[in-house]
Amino acid sequence: MKKITYILAFLIISSTYVFADPVVDPASIKNQDKYYRDNAECKALAKDNKGGVGNVAKDTAIGAGVGAGTGALLGAIGGSVGKGLGIGAVVGGVAGGGTSIYKNHKNYDQIYKNCMRGRGYRVLN
């Protein structure tokens, strides 16, 4: 059980570092200094407005609750309510938190892309 918990925790934490920023077409950059300033401002705007830790914590808690209930039910069928409850809570929490992290990153990307496009840059992805 501890191994599963550690592996799932590692996966959810490491997933926050997998995402890359959208790519700006270098041909659309006319002034390097202006680009660096615009890029920093758009990243800050996106970071401040994407959603946050509160959403991740809430979604993790909801996922853990749903997972615990489901796990307890399956554990009762299989003969070990406590084990099912624990595994269900961990899996549900990771699923809820991972989904929230993904949504936050998608929001970040959309805000960043809109900001950069609004400043005249072509965003490729």
N, C-alpha and C. Protein backbone atom coordinates (compact mmCIF):
# COMPACT_ATOMS: atom_id res chain seq x y z
N MET A 1 0.83 -1.20 0.00
CA MET A 1 0.00 0.00 0.00
C MET A 1 0.87 1.26 0.00
N LYS A 2 1.94 1.25 0.82
CA LYS A 2 2.81 2.42 0.87
C LYS A 2 3.49 2.66 -0.48
N LYS A 3 3.91 1.57 -1.13
CA LYS A 3 4.56 1.71 -2.43
C LYS A 3 3.62 2.35 -3.44
N ILE A 4 2.38 1.89 -3.44
CA ILE A 4 1.39 2.45 -4.37
C ILE A 4 1.18 3.93 -4.08
N THR A 5 1.08 4.28 -2.82
CA THR A 5 0.89 5.68 -2.44
C THR A 5 2.05 6.54 -2.92
N TYR A 6 3.26 6.07 -2.71
CA TYR A 6 4.44 6.83 -3.13
C TYR A 6 4.53 6.96 -4.64
N ILE A 7 4.24 5.88 -5.34
CA ILE A 7 4.29 5.93 -6.80
C ILE A 7 3.24 6.89 -7.35
N LEU A 8 2.02 6.82 -6.83
CA LEU A 8 0.96 7.71 -7.32
C LEU A 8 1.25 9.16 -6.96
N ALA A 9 1.78 9.41 -5.77
CA ALA A 9 2.14 10.78 -5.39
C ALA A 9 3.24 11.31 -6.30
N PHE A 10 4.22 10.48 -6.60
CA PHE A 10 5.30 10.89 -7.50
C PHE A 10 4.75 11.24 -8.88
N LEU A 11 3.83 10.42 -9.39
CA LEU A 11 3.27 10.67 -10.71
C LEU A 11 2.50 11.97 -10.78
N ILE A 12 1.71 12.27 -9.76
CA ILE A 12 0.93 13.51 -9.79
C ILE A 12 1.83 14.73 -9.65
N ILE A 13 2.85 14.63 -8.82
CA ILE A 13 3.77 15.76 -8.65
C ILE A 13 4.60 15.96 -9.91
N SER A 14 5.10 14.89 -10.48
CA SER A 14 5.94 15.02 -11.67
C SER A 14 5.13 15.48 -12.88
N SER A 15 3.84 15.22 -12.90
CA SER A 15 3.03 15.63 -14.05
C SER A 15 2.95 17.14 -14.18
N THR A 16 3.19 17.87 -13.11
CA THR A 16 3.14 19.32 -13.19
C THR A 16 4.34 19.88 -13.95
N TYR A 17 5.39 19.09 -14.12
CA TYR A 17 6.59 19.56 -14.80
C TYR A 17 6.70 19.06 -16.23
N VAL A 18 5.75 18.28 -16.69
CA VAL A 18 5.79 17.71 -18.01
C VAL A 18 5.34 18.71 -19.07
N PHE A 19 4.48 19.62 -18.72
CA PHE A 19 3.89 20.54 -19.68
C PHE A 19 4.91 21.58 -20.16
N ALA A 20 4.90 21.84 -21.44
CA ALA A 20 5.78 22.85 -22.02
C ALA A 20 4.93 24.06 -22.43
N ASP A 21 5.56 25.23 -22.47
CA ASP A 21 4.86 26.43 -22.91
C ASP A 21 4.56 26.35 -24.39
N PRO A 22 3.50 27.03 -24.83
CA PRO A 22 3.23 27.11 -26.26
C PRO A 22 4.41 27.74 -27.01
N VAL A 23 4.56 27.38 -28.26
CA VAL A 23 5.69 27.82 -29.08
C VAL A 23 5.28 29.02 -29.94
N VAL A 24 6.06 30.07 -29.87
CA VAL A 24 5.83 31.26 -30.69
C VAL A 24 6.70 31.15 -31.94
N ASP A 25 6.10 31.40 -33.09
CA ASP A 25 6.82 31.36 -34.36
C ASP A 25 7.89 32.44 -34.37
N PRO A 26 9.16 32.06 -34.51
CA PRO A 26 10.24 33.06 -34.51
C PRO A 26 10.09 34.11 -35.62
N ALA A 27 9.46 33.73 -36.72
CA ALA A 27 9.29 34.68 -37.83
C ALA A 27 8.35 35.82 -37.45
N SER A 28 7.52 35.63 -36.42
CA SER A 28 6.59 36.68 -36.01
C SER A 28 7.22 37.65 -35.01
N ILE A 29 8.47 37.40 -34.63
CA ILE A 29 9.16 38.27 -33.66
C ILE A 29 9.94 39.33 -34.44
N LYS A 30 9.50 40.57 -34.32
CA LYS A 30 10.14 41.68 -35.05
C LYS A 30 11.16 42.41 -34.18
N ASN A 31 10.92 42.43 -32.88
CA ASN A 31 11.80 43.14 -31.95
C ASN A 31 12.03 42.23 -30.74
N GLN A 32 13.27 41.78 -30.56
CA GLN A 32 13.59 40.84 -29.49
C GLN A 32 13.26 41.38 -28.10
N ASP A 33 13.62 42.63 -27.85
CA ASP A 33 13.36 43.22 -26.53
C ASP A 33 11.86 43.26 -26.22
N LYS A 34 11.08 43.67 -27.21
CA LYS A 34 9.62 43.71 -27.03
C LYS A 34 9.07 42.31 -26.83
N TYR A 35 9.60 41.34 -27.57
CA TYR A 35 9.14 39.95 -27.43
C TYR A 35 9.40 39.44 -26.01
N TYR A 36 10.60 39.66 -25.49
CA TYR A 36 10.92 39.17 -24.15
C TYR A 36 10.02 39.81 -23.10
N ARG A 37 9.75 41.09 -23.26
CA ARG A 37 8.85 41.78 -22.33
C ARG A 37 7.43 41.23 -22.46
N ASP A 38 6.93 41.11 -23.69
CA ASP A 38 5.59 40.58 -23.92
C ASP A 38 5.47 39.14 -23.41
N ASN A 39 6.47 38.34 -23.68
CA ASN A 39 6.47 36.94 -23.25
C ASN A 39 6.37 36.86 -21.71
N ALA A 40 7.17 37.64 -21.02
CA ALA A 40 7.15 37.63 -19.55
C ALA A 40 5.80 38.12 -19.02
N GLU A 41 5.26 39.17 -19.62
CA GLU A 41 3.97 39.70 -19.16
C GLU A 41 2.85 38.69 -19.41
N CYS A 42 2.86 38.04 -20.57
CA CYS A 42 1.80 37.06 -20.88
C CYS A 42 1.91 35.83 -19.99
N LYS A 43 3.14 35.38 -19.70
CA LYS A 43 3.32 34.25 -18.79
C LYS A 43 2.81 34.59 -17.39
N ALA A 44 3.12 35.79 -16.93
CA ALA A 44 2.67 36.21 -15.59
C ALA A 44 1.14 36.31 -15.56
N LEU A 45 0.56 36.88 -16.60
CA LEU A 45 -0.90 36.99 -16.68
C LEU A 45 -1.55 35.60 -16.66
N ALA A 46 -1.01 34.68 -17.45
CA ALA A 46 -1.56 33.33 -17.50
C ALA A 46 -1.40 32.62 -16.17
N LYS A 47 -0.24 32.77 -15.55
CA LYS A 47 0.00 32.11 -14.26
C LYS A 47 -0.95 32.61 -13.19
N ASP A 48 -1.19 33.91 -13.18
CA ASP A 48 -2.05 34.51 -12.15
C ASP A 48 -3.53 34.18 -12.34
N ASN A 49 -3.93 33.77 -13.53
CA ASN A 49 -5.36 33.60 -13.82
C ASN A 49 -5.76 32.19 -14.26
N LYS A 50 -4.88 31.22 -14.18
CA LYS A 50 -5.16 29.88 -14.69
C LYS A 50 -6.03 29.03 -13.78
N GLY A 51 -6.15 29.37 -12.54
CA GLY A 51 -6.73 28.49 -11.52
C GLY A 51 -5.61 28.29 -10.53
N GLY A 52 -5.80 27.49 -9.53
CA GLY A 52 -4.70 27.40 -8.60
C GLY A 52 -4.70 26.20 -7.69
N VAL A 53 -3.87 26.31 -6.68
CA VAL A 53 -3.69 25.23 -5.72
C VAL A 53 -5.00 24.90 -5.02
N GLY A 54 -5.82 25.91 -4.77
CA GLY A 54 -7.10 25.67 -4.13
C GLY A 54 -7.97 24.72 -4.94
N ASN A 55 -7.97 24.90 -6.26
CA ASN A 55 -8.75 24.01 -7.13
C ASN A 55 -8.18 22.60 -7.10
N VAL A 56 -6.86 22.49 -7.14
CA VAL A 56 -6.23 21.17 -7.11
C VAL A 56 -6.54 20.48 -5.78
N ALA A 57 -6.42 21.21 -4.69
CA ALA A 57 -6.69 20.63 -3.36
C ALA A 57 -8.15 20.18 -3.26
N LYS A 58 -9.05 21.02 -3.74
CA LYS A 58 -10.49 20.68 -3.68
C LYS A 58 -10.78 19.45 -4.53
N ASP A 59 -10.27 19.43 -5.76
CA ASP A 59 -10.52 18.30 -6.65
C ASP A 59 -9.86 17.02 -6.14
N THR A 60 -8.70 17.15 -5.50
CA THR A 60 -8.04 15.98 -4.91
C THR A 60 -8.89 15.42 -3.77
N ALA A 61 -9.40 16.32 -2.93
CA ALA A 61 -10.24 15.88 -1.80
C ALA A 61 -11.52 15.22 -2.30
N ILE A 62 -12.15 15.80 -3.30
CA ILE A 62 -13.37 15.21 -3.86
C ILE A 62 -13.07 13.84 -4.45
N GLY A 63 -11.98 13.77 -5.22
CA GLY A 63 -11.58 12.49 -5.82
C GLY A 63 -11.29 11.44 -4.76
N ALA A 64 -10.61 11.86 -3.68
CA ALA A 64 -10.30 10.92 -2.60
C ALA A 64 -11.58 10.42 -1.94
N GLY A 65 -12.54 11.32 -1.74
CA GLY A 65 -13.81 10.91 -1.13
C GLY A 65 -14.57 9.93 -1.99
N VAL A 66 -14.67 10.24 -3.27
CA VAL A 66 -15.38 9.34 -4.19
C VAL A 66 -14.64 8.01 -4.28
N GLY A 67 -13.30 8.09 -4.38
CA GLY A 67 -12.50 6.87 -4.46
C GLY A 67 -12.61 6.03 -3.21
N ALA A 68 -12.64 6.68 -2.06
CA ALA A 68 -12.75 5.94 -0.80
C ALA A 68 -14.09 5.20 -0.72
N GLY A 69 -15.15 5.88 -1.11
CA GLY A 69 -16.47 5.24 -1.11
C GLY A 69 -16.52 4.06 -2.06
N THR A 70 -16.01 4.26 -3.26
CA THR A 70 -16.00 3.18 -4.25
C THR A 70 -15.10 2.04 -3.78
N GLY A 71 -13.93 2.42 -3.25
CA GLY A 71 -13.00 1.40 -2.76
C GLY A 71 -13.56 0.60 -1.60
N ALA A 72 -14.27 1.28 -0.71
CA ALA A 72 -14.88 0.58 0.43
C ALA A 72 -15.94 -0.40 -0.05
N LEU A 73 -16.73 0.03 -1.03
CA LEU A 73 -17.76 -0.85 -1.58
C LEU A 73 -17.12 -2.08 -2.24
N LEU A 74 -16.10 -1.84 -3.06
CA LEU A 74 -15.42 -2.96 -3.71
C LEU A 74 -14.68 -3.83 -2.69
N GLY A 75 -14.13 -3.16 -1.66
CA GLY A 75 -13.47 -3.91 -0.59
C GLY A 75 -14.43 -4.80 0.17
N ALA A 76 -15.64 -4.32 0.38
CA ALA A 76 -16.66 -5.12 1.06
C ALA A 76 -17.00 -6.35 0.24
N ILE A 77 -17.06 -6.18 -1.05
CA ILE A 77 -17.35 -7.32 -1.93
C ILE A 77 -16.18 -8.30 -1.91
N GLY A 78 -14.95 -7.75 -1.89
CA GLY A 78 -13.76 -8.60 -1.92
C GLY A 78 -13.32 -9.10 -0.56
N GLY A 79 -13.90 -8.58 0.51
CA GLY A 79 -13.58 -9.08 1.84
C GLY A 79 -12.67 -8.21 2.67
N SER A 80 -12.26 -7.03 2.19
CA SER A 80 -11.37 -6.17 2.97
C SER A 80 -11.77 -4.71 2.77
N VAL A 81 -12.70 -4.24 3.58
CA VAL A 81 -13.22 -2.88 3.45
C VAL A 81 -12.11 -1.85 3.65
N GLY A 82 -11.28 -2.03 4.69
CA GLY A 82 -10.23 -1.06 5.00
C GLY A 82 -9.22 -0.90 3.88
N LYS A 83 -8.79 -2.03 3.33
CA LYS A 83 -7.82 -1.99 2.23
C LYS A 83 -8.43 -1.32 0.99
N GLY A 84 -9.65 -1.68 0.67
CA GLY A 84 -10.35 -1.08 -0.47
C GLY A 84 -10.55 0.40 -0.29
N LEU A 85 -10.90 0.80 0.94
CA LEU A 85 -11.10 2.22 1.25
C LEU A 85 -9.80 3.00 1.04
N GLY A 86 -8.70 2.47 1.55
CA GLY A 86 -7.41 3.15 1.42
C GLY A 86 -6.94 3.27 -0.01
N ILE A 87 -6.99 2.17 -0.73
CA ILE A 87 -6.56 2.19 -2.13
C ILE A 87 -7.48 3.10 -2.95
N GLY A 88 -8.77 3.02 -2.71
CA GLY A 88 -9.72 3.87 -3.43
C GLY A 88 -9.47 5.35 -3.17
N ALA A 89 -9.17 5.69 -1.92
CA ALA A 89 -8.90 7.10 -1.58
C ALA A 89 -7.66 7.61 -2.29
N VAL A 90 -6.62 6.80 -2.32
CA VAL A 90 -5.37 7.21 -2.99
C VAL A 90 -5.59 7.36 -4.49
N VAL A 91 -6.18 6.36 -5.11
CA VAL A 91 -6.40 6.41 -6.56
C VAL A 91 -7.34 7.55 -6.92
N GLY A 92 -8.42 7.72 -6.16
CA GLY A 92 -9.36 8.81 -6.43
C GLY A 92 -8.73 10.17 -6.23
N GLY A 93 -7.92 10.31 -5.19
CA GLY A 93 -7.25 11.58 -4.94
C GLY A 93 -6.28 11.95 -6.05
N VAL A 94 -5.51 10.96 -6.50
CA VAL A 94 -4.56 11.21 -7.59
C VAL A 94 -5.31 11.55 -8.88
N ALA A 95 -6.39 10.84 -9.14
CA ALA A 95 -7.17 11.12 -10.36
C ALA A 95 -7.78 12.52 -10.30
N GLY A 96 -8.35 12.89 -9.16
CA GLY A 96 -8.94 14.22 -9.02
C GLY A 96 -7.90 15.32 -9.12
N GLY A 97 -6.78 15.14 -8.43
CA GLY A 97 -5.71 16.14 -8.48
C GLY A 97 -5.08 16.25 -9.86
N GLY A 98 -4.86 15.11 -10.50
CA GLY A 98 -4.27 15.11 -11.84
C GLY A 98 -5.16 15.79 -12.86
N THR A 99 -6.45 15.55 -12.75
CA THR A 99 -7.40 16.20 -13.66
C THR A 99 -7.38 17.71 -13.46
N SER A 100 -7.33 18.14 -12.21
CA SER A 100 -7.30 19.57 -11.91
C SER A 100 -6.03 20.23 -12.43
N ILE A 101 -4.90 19.55 -12.27
CA ILE A 101 -3.62 20.08 -12.78
C ILE A 101 -3.70 20.22 -14.29
N TYR A 102 -4.26 19.23 -14.96
CA TYR A 102 -4.40 19.28 -16.41
C TYR A 102 -5.28 20.46 -16.84
N LYS A 103 -6.41 20.64 -16.16
CA LYS A 103 -7.31 21.76 -16.49
C LYS A 103 -6.61 23.10 -16.27
N ASN A 104 -5.88 23.22 -15.16
CA ASN A 104 -5.17 24.47 -14.89
C ASN A 104 -4.15 24.76 -15.98
N HIS A 105 -3.46 23.72 -16.45
CA HIS A 105 -2.47 23.95 -17.49
C HIS A 105 -3.13 24.33 -18.82
N LYS A 106 -4.25 23.71 -19.12
CA LYS A 106 -4.97 24.08 -20.35
C LYS A 106 -5.43 25.54 -20.27
N ASN A 107 -5.89 25.98 -19.10
CA ASN A 107 -6.28 27.38 -18.93
C ASN A 107 -5.08 28.29 -19.11
N TYR A 108 -3.94 27.92 -18.52
CA TYR A 108 -2.70 28.70 -18.66
C TYR A 108 -2.36 28.85 -20.14
N ASP A 109 -2.36 27.72 -20.86
CA ASP A 109 -2.02 27.76 -22.29
C ASP A 109 -2.94 28.69 -23.06
N GLN A 110 -4.23 28.60 -22.81
CA GLN A 110 -5.19 29.42 -23.56
C GLN A 110 -5.00 30.91 -23.28
N ILE A 111 -4.80 31.25 -22.02
CA ILE A 111 -4.58 32.66 -21.66
C ILE A 111 -3.29 33.17 -22.29
N TYR A 112 -2.22 32.38 -22.20
CA TYR A 112 -0.93 32.78 -22.77
C TYR A 112 -1.05 32.97 -24.29
N LYS A 113 -1.67 31.99 -24.97
CA LYS A 113 -1.82 32.08 -26.42
C LYS A 113 -2.62 33.32 -26.82
N ASN A 114 -3.74 33.56 -26.14
CA ASN A 114 -4.57 34.72 -26.47
C ASN A 114 -3.79 36.01 -26.25
N CYS A 115 -3.03 36.08 -25.18
CA CYS A 115 -2.24 37.27 -24.87
C CYS A 115 -1.19 37.52 -25.96
N MET A 116 -0.45 36.47 -26.31
CA MET A 116 0.61 36.64 -27.32
C MET A 116 0.02 36.95 -28.70
N ARG A 117 -1.07 36.30 -29.05
CA ARG A 117 -1.72 36.58 -30.33
C ARG A 117 -2.24 38.01 -30.36
N GLY A 118 -2.77 38.45 -29.23
CA GLY A 118 -3.27 39.83 -29.14
C GLY A 118 -2.16 40.85 -29.31
N ARG A 119 -0.93 40.45 -29.06
CA ARG A 119 0.22 41.36 -29.21
C ARG A 119 0.91 41.18 -30.55
N GLY A 120 0.31 40.39 -31.44
CA GLY A 120 0.79 40.29 -32.80
C GLY A 120 1.71 39.11 -33.11
N TYR A 121 1.83 38.14 -32.22
CA TYR A 121 2.69 36.98 -32.45
C TYR A 121 1.86 35.81 -32.94
N ARG A 122 2.48 34.94 -33.73
CA ARG A 122 1.84 33.70 -34.16
C ARG A 122 2.26 32.61 -33.18
N VAL A 123 1.28 31.96 -32.58
CA VAL A 123 1.55 30.86 -31.65
C VAL A 123 1.25 29.57 -32.41
N LEU A 124 2.24 28.67 -32.44
CA LEU A 124 2.16 27.50 -33.31
C LEU A 124 1.37 26.32 -32.73
N ASN A 125 1.26 26.22 -31.44
CA ASN A 125 0.53 25.06 -30.88
C ASN A 125 -0.50 25.47 -29.87
